[in-house]
Amino acid sequence: MSMVLVTCTYLIINLAYHTLLSPYDLIRSESIAVHAGEMFFAEYSQGTLTFARYFFATSVAVSTFGALLSITLSSSRLPYAGAVEGMMPTLFGLVSKNSKTPITSLAFLGSCAFVCVWPSNIGDLIQYVGFLSWIFWGLCFVAVIVLRYKMPDIKRPFKIPLFVPVLAALTSLYLIIGSVYANPLISGLWLVAALVSVPVYYGYVDTEKMCQRWMDKLTNKLLHYLEAAEQKQ
């Protein structure tokens, strides 16, 4: 029910944006919500217009902060889960004894975000992280289709109609191609950065590799110096 409510709210808000603003306004506006609020309250007094401007700006900021908090809490668990399953370096399998949060995973993601923002700006980070996200989301949608045919009888918690992942995969492909067409150089650089994970995977997952043994030593040192951390297996 909550998913339906959020989806309907999202659609209604976007419908309001397209009703109040022209396609040109949508493209050039730095803050669509604030611009739409100004258009809606344009016939009212200057005080009302000023209040609406600050109200919509504050609402967007609060919404963004809430989304960022949820993304941070969920995304930090991905390297941790990969480390526990043996798919990533064991370093990311450290959690705080007090808060039970994956501290090394959080530090890693924060460092990556800082490196990405430092030479550029937050707008570019949002745009091209979205580009990479759609690549991996598209692969997830394709995996659903492949498993539906390769393992049709496997037990599933829930089963969706096949056209849903097909439509989602096609949408992902469209967005990926659009990003490459709009800015092929930057998109290519981010794709190369993502491909760095391939040698990292093969260098750390195999327990016989030197990288894995070196990472285990580093993990043990962190366990010694970070008294508030423990390794989950």
C-alpha atoms as a PDB file:
ATOM      1  CA  MET A   1       0.000   0.000   0.000  1.00  0.00           C
ATOM      2  CA  SER A   2       2.840   2.388   0.829  1.00  0.00           C
ATOM      3  CA  MET A   3       4.455   1.765  -2.571  1.00  0.00           C
ATOM      4  CA  VAL A   4       1.167   2.553  -4.327  1.00  0.00           C
ATOM      5  CA  LEU A   5       0.778   5.745  -2.281  1.00  0.00           C
ATOM      6  CA  VAL A   6       4.320   6.920  -3.056  1.00  0.00           C
ATOM      7  CA  THR A   7       3.938   6.104  -6.760  1.00  0.00           C
ATOM      8  CA  CYS A   8       0.617   7.957  -7.037  1.00  0.00           C
ATOM      9  CA  THR A   9       2.059  10.968  -5.195  1.00  0.00           C
ATOM     10  CA  TYR A  10       5.052  11.004  -7.521  1.00  0.00           C
ATOM     11  CA  LEU A  11       2.826  10.865 -10.614  1.00  0.00           C
ATOM     12  CA  ILE A  12       0.507  13.606  -9.342  1.00  0.00           C
ATOM     13  CA  ILE A  13       3.434  15.921  -8.550  1.00  0.00           C
ATOM     14  CA  ASN A  14       4.971  15.382 -11.984  1.00  0.00           C
ATOM     15  CA  LEU A  15       1.596  15.999 -13.611  1.00  0.00           C
ATOM     16  CA  ALA A  16       1.391  19.293 -11.710  1.00  0.00           C
ATOM     17  CA  TYR A  17       4.879  20.268 -12.896  1.00  0.00           C
ATOM     18  CA  HIS A  18       3.987  19.606 -16.533  1.00  0.00           C
ATOM     19  CA  THR A  19       0.727  21.507 -16.155  1.00  0.00           C
ATOM     20  CA  LEU A  20       2.330  24.633 -14.702  1.00  0.00           C
ATOM     21  CA  LEU A  21       5.609  24.666 -16.649  1.00  0.00           C
ATOM     22  CA  SER A  22       6.442  24.440 -20.323  1.00  0.00           C
ATOM     23  CA  PRO A  23       9.055  21.965 -21.624  1.00  0.00           C
ATOM     24  CA  TYR A  24      11.510  24.844 -21.950  1.00  0.00           C
ATOM     25  CA  ASP A  25      10.946  25.856 -18.330  1.00  0.00           C
ATOM     26  CA  LEU A  26      11.460  22.281 -17.177  1.00  0.00           C
ATOM     27  CA  ILE A  27      14.813  22.116 -18.943  1.00  0.00           C
ATOM     28  CA  ARG A  28      16.245  25.463 -17.854  1.00  0.00           C
ATOM     29  CA  SER A  29      14.890  25.503 -14.295  1.00  0.00           C
ATOM     30  CA  GLU A  30      17.470  24.869 -11.574  1.00  0.00           C
ATOM     31  CA  SER A  31      14.738  23.909  -9.088  1.00  0.00           C
ATOM     32  CA  ILE A  32      11.535  22.694 -10.728  1.00  0.00           C
ATOM     33  CA  ALA A  33       9.578  22.531  -7.462  1.00  0.00           C
ATOM     34  CA  VAL A  34      10.413  26.136  -6.516  1.00  0.00           C
ATOM     35  CA  HIS A  35       9.722  27.370 -10.051  1.00  0.00           C
ATOM     36  CA  ALA A  36       6.361  25.588 -10.112  1.00  0.00           C
ATOM     37  CA  GLY A  37       5.455  27.092  -6.732  1.00  0.00           C
ATOM     38  CA  GLU A  38       6.307  30.563  -7.988  1.00  0.00           C
ATOM     39  CA  MET A  39       4.101  30.049 -11.047  1.00  0.00           C
ATOM     40  CA  PHE A  40       1.207  28.793  -8.929  1.00  0.00           C
ATOM     41  CA  PHE A  41       1.363  31.682  -6.435  1.00  0.00           C
ATOM     42  CA  ALA A  42       2.228  34.368  -8.993  1.00  0.00           C
ATOM     43  CA  GLU A  43      -1.247  35.951  -8.746  1.00  0.00           C
ATOM     44  CA  TYR A  44      -1.029  36.338  -4.975  1.00  0.00           C
ATOM     45  CA  SER A  45       0.703  39.019  -2.909  1.00  0.00           C
ATOM     46  CA  GLN A  46       4.463  39.397  -2.751  1.00  0.00           C
ATOM     47  CA  GLY A  47       4.513  38.107   0.828  1.00  0.00           C
ATOM     48  CA  THR A  48       2.670  34.944  -0.166  1.00  0.00           C
ATOM     49  CA  LEU A  49       5.015  34.445  -3.115  1.00  0.00           C
ATOM     50  CA  THR A  50       8.069  34.821  -0.869  1.00  0.00           C
ATOM     51  CA  PHE A  51       6.621  32.348   1.644  1.00  0.00           C
ATOM     52  CA  ALA A  52       5.889  29.850  -1.153  1.00  0.00           C
ATOM     53  CA  ARG A  53       9.415  30.198  -2.510  1.00  0.00           C
ATOM     54  CA  TYR A  54      11.012  29.382   0.866  1.00  0.00           C
ATOM     55  CA  PHE A  55       8.425  26.697   1.631  1.00  0.00           C
ATOM     56  CA  PHE A  56       9.067  24.749  -1.566  1.00  0.00           C
ATOM     57  CA  ALA A  57      12.831  25.156  -1.272  1.00  0.00           C
ATOM     58  CA  THR A  58      12.754  23.858   2.322  1.00  0.00           C
ATOM     59  CA  SER A  59      10.480  20.964   1.339  1.00  0.00           C
ATOM     60  CA  VAL A  60      12.875  19.897  -1.417  1.00  0.00           C
ATOM     61  CA  ALA A  61      15.830  20.109   0.978  1.00  0.00           C
ATOM     62  CA  VAL A  62      14.056  18.014   3.633  1.00  0.00           C
ATOM     63  CA  SER A  63      12.987  15.440   1.026  1.00  0.00           C
ATOM     64  CA  THR A  64      16.527  15.240  -0.352  1.00  0.00           C
ATOM     65  CA  PHE A  65      17.989  14.798   3.124  1.00  0.00           C
ATOM     66  CA  GLY A  66      15.548  11.973   3.886  1.00  0.00           C
ATOM     67  CA  ALA A  67      16.332  10.239   0.609  1.00  0.00           C
ATOM     68  CA  LEU A  68      20.070  10.643   1.200  1.00  0.00           C
ATOM     69  CA  LEU A  69      19.760   9.158   4.679  1.00  0.00           C
ATOM     70  CA  SER A  70      17.882   6.096   3.436  1.00  0.00           C
ATOM     71  CA  ILE A  71      20.295   5.603   0.528  1.00  0.00           C
ATOM     72  CA  THR A  72      23.288   5.879   2.865  1.00  0.00           C
ATOM     73  CA  LEU A  73      21.841   3.329   5.287  1.00  0.00           C
ATOM     74  CA  SER A  74      20.989   0.861   2.512  1.00  0.00           C
ATOM     75  CA  SER A  75      23.991   1.348   0.207  1.00  0.00           C
ATOM     76  CA  SER A  76      26.511   0.906   3.012  1.00  0.00           C
ATOM     77  CA  ARG A  77      25.151  -2.595   3.564  1.00  0.00           C
ATOM     78  CA  LEU A  78      26.036  -3.674   0.019  1.00  0.00           C
ATOM     79  CA  PRO A  79      29.840  -3.813   0.432  1.00  0.00           C
ATOM     80  CA  TYR A  80      29.303  -5.329   3.877  1.00  0.00           C
ATOM     81  CA  ALA A  81      27.054  -8.082   2.496  1.00  0.00           C
ATOM     82  CA  GLY A  82      29.535  -8.694  -0.319  1.00  0.00           C
ATOM     83  CA  ALA A  83      32.362  -9.067   2.190  1.00  0.00           C
ATOM     84  CA  VAL A  84      30.361 -11.482   4.348  1.00  0.00           C
ATOM     85  CA  GLU A  85      29.521 -13.592   1.281  1.00  0.00           C
ATOM     86  CA  GLY A  86      33.152 -13.590   0.132  1.00  0.00           C
ATOM     87  CA  MET A  87      32.481 -11.418  -2.914  1.00  0.00           C
ATOM     88  CA  MET A  88      34.411  -8.359  -1.684  1.00  0.00           C
ATOM     89  CA  PRO A  89      37.464  -7.725   0.516  1.00  0.00           C
ATOM     90  CA  THR A  90      36.984  -8.834   4.117  1.00  0.00           C
ATOM     91  CA  LEU A  91      37.855  -5.291   5.179  1.00  0.00           C
ATOM     92  CA  PHE A  92      34.268  -4.227   4.464  1.00  0.00           C
ATOM     93  CA  GLY A  93      32.892  -6.858   6.845  1.00  0.00           C
ATOM     94  CA  LEU A  94      33.654  -4.784   9.945  1.00  0.00           C
ATOM     95  CA  VAL A  95      30.782  -3.400  11.983  1.00  0.00           C
ATOM     96  CA  SER A  96      30.595  -1.184  15.042  1.00  0.00           C
ATOM     97  CA  LYS A  97      30.058  -2.952  18.343  1.00  0.00           C
ATOM     98  CA  ASN A  98      27.897  -0.109  19.605  1.00  0.00           C
ATOM     99  CA  SER A  99      25.758   0.974  16.638  1.00  0.00           C
ATOM    100  CA  LYS A 100      26.088  -2.259  14.607  1.00  0.00           C
ATOM    101  CA  THR A 101      26.742  -0.191  11.477  1.00  0.00           C
ATOM    102  CA  PRO A 102      29.302  -1.208   8.828  1.00  0.00           C
ATOM    103  CA  ILE A 103      31.836   1.520   9.620  1.00  0.00           C
ATOM    104  CA  THR A 104      34.486   0.552   7.069  1.00  0.00           C
ATOM    105  CA  SER A 105      31.858   0.275   4.349  1.00  0.00           C
ATOM    106  CA  LEU A 106      30.486   3.722   5.249  1.00  0.00           C
ATOM    107  CA  ALA A 107      33.997   5.190   5.228  1.00  0.00           C
ATOM    108  CA  PHE A 108      34.676   3.625   1.828  1.00  0.00           C
ATOM    109  CA  LEU A 109      31.487   4.992   0.248  1.00  0.00           C
ATOM    110  CA  GLY A 110      32.068   8.420   1.772  1.00  0.00           C
ATOM    111  CA  SER A 111      35.599   8.498   0.406  1.00  0.00           C
ATOM    112  CA  CYS A 112      34.384   7.504  -3.058  1.00  0.00           C
ATOM    113  CA  ALA A 113      31.733  10.242  -2.991  1.00  0.00           C
ATOM    114  CA  PHE A 114      34.340  12.821  -1.948  1.00  0.00           C
ATOM    115  CA  VAL A 115      36.704  11.798  -4.744  1.00  0.00           C
ATOM    116  CA  CYS A 116      33.880  11.994  -7.299  1.00  0.00           C
ATOM    117  CA  VAL A 117      32.643  15.420  -6.142  1.00  0.00           C
ATOM    118  CA  TRP A 118      36.020  17.074  -5.575  1.00  0.00           C
ATOM    119  CA  PRO A 119      37.094  17.610  -9.219  1.00  0.00           C
ATOM    120  CA  SER A 120      33.540  18.260 -10.400  1.00  0.00           C
ATOM    121  CA  ASN A 121      30.221  19.226  -8.765  1.00  0.00           C
ATOM    122  CA  ILE A 122      27.246  17.522  -7.155  1.00  0.00           C
ATOM    123  CA  GLY A 123      25.152  17.859 -10.318  1.00  0.00           C
ATOM    124  CA  ASP A 124      27.637  15.838 -12.377  1.00  0.00           C
ATOM    125  CA  LEU A 125      27.886  13.261  -9.602  1.00  0.00           C
ATOM    126  CA  ILE A 126      24.111  12.778  -9.539  1.00  0.00           C
ATOM    127  CA  GLN A 127      23.928  12.553 -13.324  1.00  0.00           C
ATOM    128  CA  TYR A 128      26.692  10.017 -13.871  1.00  0.00           C
ATOM    129  CA  VAL A 129      26.097   7.927 -10.779  1.00  0.00           C
ATOM    130  CA  GLY A 130      22.572   7.630 -12.164  1.00  0.00           C
ATOM    131  CA  PHE A 131      24.107   6.446 -15.435  1.00  0.00           C
ATOM    132  CA  LEU A 132      26.066   3.702 -13.680  1.00  0.00           C
ATOM    133  CA  SER A 133      23.103   2.809 -11.499  1.00  0.00           C
ATOM    134  CA  TRP A 134      20.918   2.187 -14.544  1.00  0.00           C
ATOM    135  CA  ILE A 135      23.567  -0.146 -15.950  1.00  0.00           C
ATOM    136  CA  PHE A 136      23.475  -2.355 -12.870  1.00  0.00           C
ATOM    137  CA  TRP A 137      19.708  -2.066 -12.457  1.00  0.00           C
ATOM    138  CA  GLY A 138      19.338  -3.101 -16.091  1.00  0.00           C
ATOM    139  CA  LEU A 139      21.545  -6.132 -15.456  1.00  0.00           C
ATOM    140  CA  CYS A 140      19.324  -7.047 -12.498  1.00  0.00           C
ATOM    141  CA  PHE A 141      16.225  -6.861 -14.693  1.00  0.00           C
ATOM    142  CA  VAL A 142      17.915  -9.021 -17.343  1.00  0.00           C
ATOM    143  CA  ALA A 143      18.896 -11.518 -14.615  1.00  0.00           C
ATOM    144  CA  VAL A 144      15.219 -11.869 -13.661  1.00  0.00           C
ATOM    145  CA  ILE A 145      14.350 -12.698 -17.280  1.00  0.00           C
ATOM    146  CA  VAL A 146      17.222 -15.175 -17.638  1.00  0.00           C
ATOM    147  CA  LEU A 147      16.419 -16.963 -14.372  1.00  0.00           C
ATOM    148  CA  ARG A 148      12.754 -17.153 -15.343  1.00  0.00           C
ATOM    149  CA  TYR A 149      13.749 -19.370 -18.283  1.00  0.00           C
ATOM    150  CA  LYS A 150      16.758 -21.180 -16.799  1.00  0.00           C
ATOM    151  CA  MET A 151      15.156 -21.916 -13.412  1.00  0.00           C
ATOM    152  CA  PRO A 152      11.400 -21.779 -13.971  1.00  0.00           C
ATOM    153  CA  ASP A 153      10.582 -24.064 -11.037  1.00  0.00           C
ATOM    154  CA  ILE A 154      12.766 -22.430  -8.396  1.00  0.00           C
ATOM    155  CA  LYS A 155      10.928 -21.259  -5.274  1.00  0.00           C
ATOM    156  CA  ARG A 156      10.400 -17.484  -5.289  1.00  0.00           C
ATOM    157  CA  PRO A 157       9.098 -15.252  -2.446  1.00  0.00           C
ATOM    158  CA  PHE A 158       6.950 -13.491  -5.045  1.00  0.00           C
ATOM    159  CA  LYS A 159       6.583 -13.672  -8.802  1.00  0.00           C
ATOM    160  CA  ILE A 160       5.867 -10.760 -11.127  1.00  0.00           C
ATOM    161  CA  PRO A 161       4.601 -10.876 -14.732  1.00  0.00           C
ATOM    162  CA  LEU A 162       7.422 -11.259 -17.239  1.00  0.00           C
ATOM    163  CA  PHE A 163       6.570  -8.042 -19.088  1.00  0.00           C
ATOM    164  CA  VAL A 164       7.565  -6.003 -16.007  1.00  0.00           C
ATOM    165  CA  PRO A 165      11.314  -6.864 -16.062  1.00  0.00           C
ATOM    166  CA  VAL A 166      11.271  -6.724 -19.875  1.00  0.00           C
ATOM    167  CA  LEU A 167       9.854  -3.189 -19.813  1.00  0.00           C
ATOM    168  CA  ALA A 168      12.246  -2.195 -17.029  1.00  0.00           C
ATOM    169  CA  ALA A 169      15.242  -3.585 -18.960  1.00  0.00           C
ATOM    170  CA  LEU A 170      14.228  -1.680 -22.105  1.00  0.00           C
ATOM    171  CA  THR A 171      13.791   1.501 -20.066  1.00  0.00           C
ATOM    172  CA  SER A 172      17.249   1.027 -18.554  1.00  0.00           C
ATOM    173  CA  LEU A 173      18.739   0.533 -22.015  1.00  0.00           C
ATOM    174  CA  TYR A 174      17.063   3.725 -23.252  1.00  0.00           C
ATOM    175  CA  LEU A 175      18.415   5.763 -20.332  1.00  0.00           C
ATOM    176  CA  ILE A 176      21.921   4.329 -20.726  1.00  0.00           C
ATOM    177  CA  ILE A 177      22.009   5.090 -24.455  1.00  0.00           C
ATOM    178  CA  GLY A 178      20.649   8.580 -23.777  1.00  0.00           C
ATOM    179  CA  SER A 179      23.420   9.321 -21.279  1.00  0.00           C
ATOM    180  CA  VAL A 180      26.110   8.071 -23.665  1.00  0.00           C
ATOM    181  CA  TYR A 181      24.641  10.096 -26.534  1.00  0.00           C
ATOM    182  CA  ALA A 182      24.426  13.269 -24.415  1.00  0.00           C
ATOM    183  CA  ASN A 183      27.992  13.067 -23.104  1.00  0.00           C
ATOM    184  CA  PRO A 184      29.976  10.117 -24.489  1.00  0.00           C
ATOM    185  CA  LEU A 185      33.367  11.131 -23.055  1.00  0.00           C
ATOM    186  CA  ILE A 186      32.305  11.519 -19.422  1.00  0.00           C
ATOM    187  CA  SER A 187      30.029   8.471 -19.610  1.00  0.00           C
ATOM    188  CA  GLY A 188      32.931   6.439 -20.977  1.00  0.00           C
ATOM    189  CA  LEU A 189      35.204   7.573 -18.145  1.00  0.00           C
ATOM    190  CA  TRP A 190      32.650   6.552 -15.526  1.00  0.00           C
ATOM    191  CA  LEU A 191      32.200   3.203 -17.264  1.00  0.00           C
ATOM    192  CA  VAL A 192      35.965   2.616 -17.167  1.00  0.00           C
ATOM    193  CA  ALA A 193      35.955   3.517 -13.476  1.00  0.00           C
ATOM    194  CA  ALA A 194      33.261   0.908 -12.894  1.00  0.00           C
ATOM    195  CA  LEU A 195      35.285  -1.726 -14.773  1.00  0.00           C
ATOM    196  CA  VAL A 196      38.075  -1.291 -12.208  1.00  0.00           C
ATOM    197  CA  SER A 197      35.934  -3.519  -9.978  1.00  0.00           C
ATOM    198  CA  VAL A 198      36.721  -6.516 -12.217  1.00  0.00           C
ATOM    199  CA  PRO A 199      40.421  -6.854 -11.276  1.00  0.00           C
ATOM    200  CA  VAL A 200      39.545  -5.936  -7.687  1.00  0.00           C
ATOM    201  CA  TYR A 201      37.073  -8.831  -7.587  1.00  0.00           C
ATOM    202  CA  TYR A 202      39.482 -11.380  -9.020  1.00  0.00           C
ATOM    203  CA  GLY A 203      42.327 -10.039  -6.888  1.00  0.00           C
ATOM    204  CA  TYR A 204      40.561 -10.247  -3.532  1.00  0.00           C
ATOM    205  CA  VAL A 205      38.001 -13.029  -3.703  1.00  0.00           C
ATOM    206  CA  ASP A 206      40.433 -15.858  -4.367  1.00  0.00           C
ATOM    207  CA  THR A 207      41.973 -16.720  -0.978  1.00  0.00           C
ATOM    208  CA  GLU A 208      45.155 -17.905  -2.687  1.00  0.00           C
ATOM    209  CA  LYS A 209      45.888 -14.475  -4.170  1.00  0.00           C
ATOM    210  CA  MET A 210      48.469 -12.208  -2.569  1.00  0.00           C
ATOM    211  CA  CYS A 211      45.975  -9.327  -2.524  1.00  0.00           C
ATOM    212  CA  GLN A 212      43.623 -11.326  -0.341  1.00  0.00           C
ATOM    213  CA  ARG A 213      46.347 -12.199   2.136  1.00  0.00           C
ATOM    214  CA  TRP A 214      47.457  -8.550   2.253  1.00  0.00           C
ATOM    215  CA  MET A 215      43.883  -7.428   2.826  1.00  0.00           C
ATOM    216  CA  ASP A 216      43.445  -9.933   5.653  1.00  0.00           C
ATOM    217  CA  LYS A 217      46.510  -8.460   7.383  1.00  0.00           C
ATOM    218  CA  LEU A 218      45.063  -4.965   7.021  1.00  0.00           C
ATOM    219  CA  THR A 219      41.729  -6.161   8.384  1.00  0.00           C
ATOM    220  CA  ASN A 220      43.370  -7.721  11.428  1.00  0.00           C
ATOM    221  CA  LYS A 221      45.249  -4.479  12.129  1.00  0.00           C
ATOM    222  CA  LEU A 222      41.991  -2.506  11.940  1.00  0.00           C
ATOM    223  CA  LEU A 223      40.390  -4.975  14.316  1.00  0.00           C
ATOM    224  CA  HIS A 224      43.241  -4.269  16.716  1.00  0.00           C
ATOM    225  CA  TYR A 225      43.222  -0.467  16.450  1.00  0.00           C
ATOM    226  CA  LEU A 226      39.459   0.039  16.080  1.00  0.00           C
ATOM    227  CA  GLU A 227      38.254  -1.314  19.372  1.00  0.00           C
ATOM    228  CA  ALA A 228      34.680  -0.463  18.392  1.00  0.00           C
ATOM    229  CA  ALA A 229      34.750  -2.810  15.409  1.00  0.00           C
ATOM    230  CA  GLU A 230      34.222  -6.499  15.063  1.00  0.00           C
ATOM    231  CA  GLN A 231      34.175  -8.793  12.073  1.00  0.00           C
ATOM    232  CA  LYS A 232      30.961 -10.532  11.124  1.00  0.00           C
ATOM    233  CA  GLN A 233      31.151 -13.856   9.360  1.00  0.00           C
END
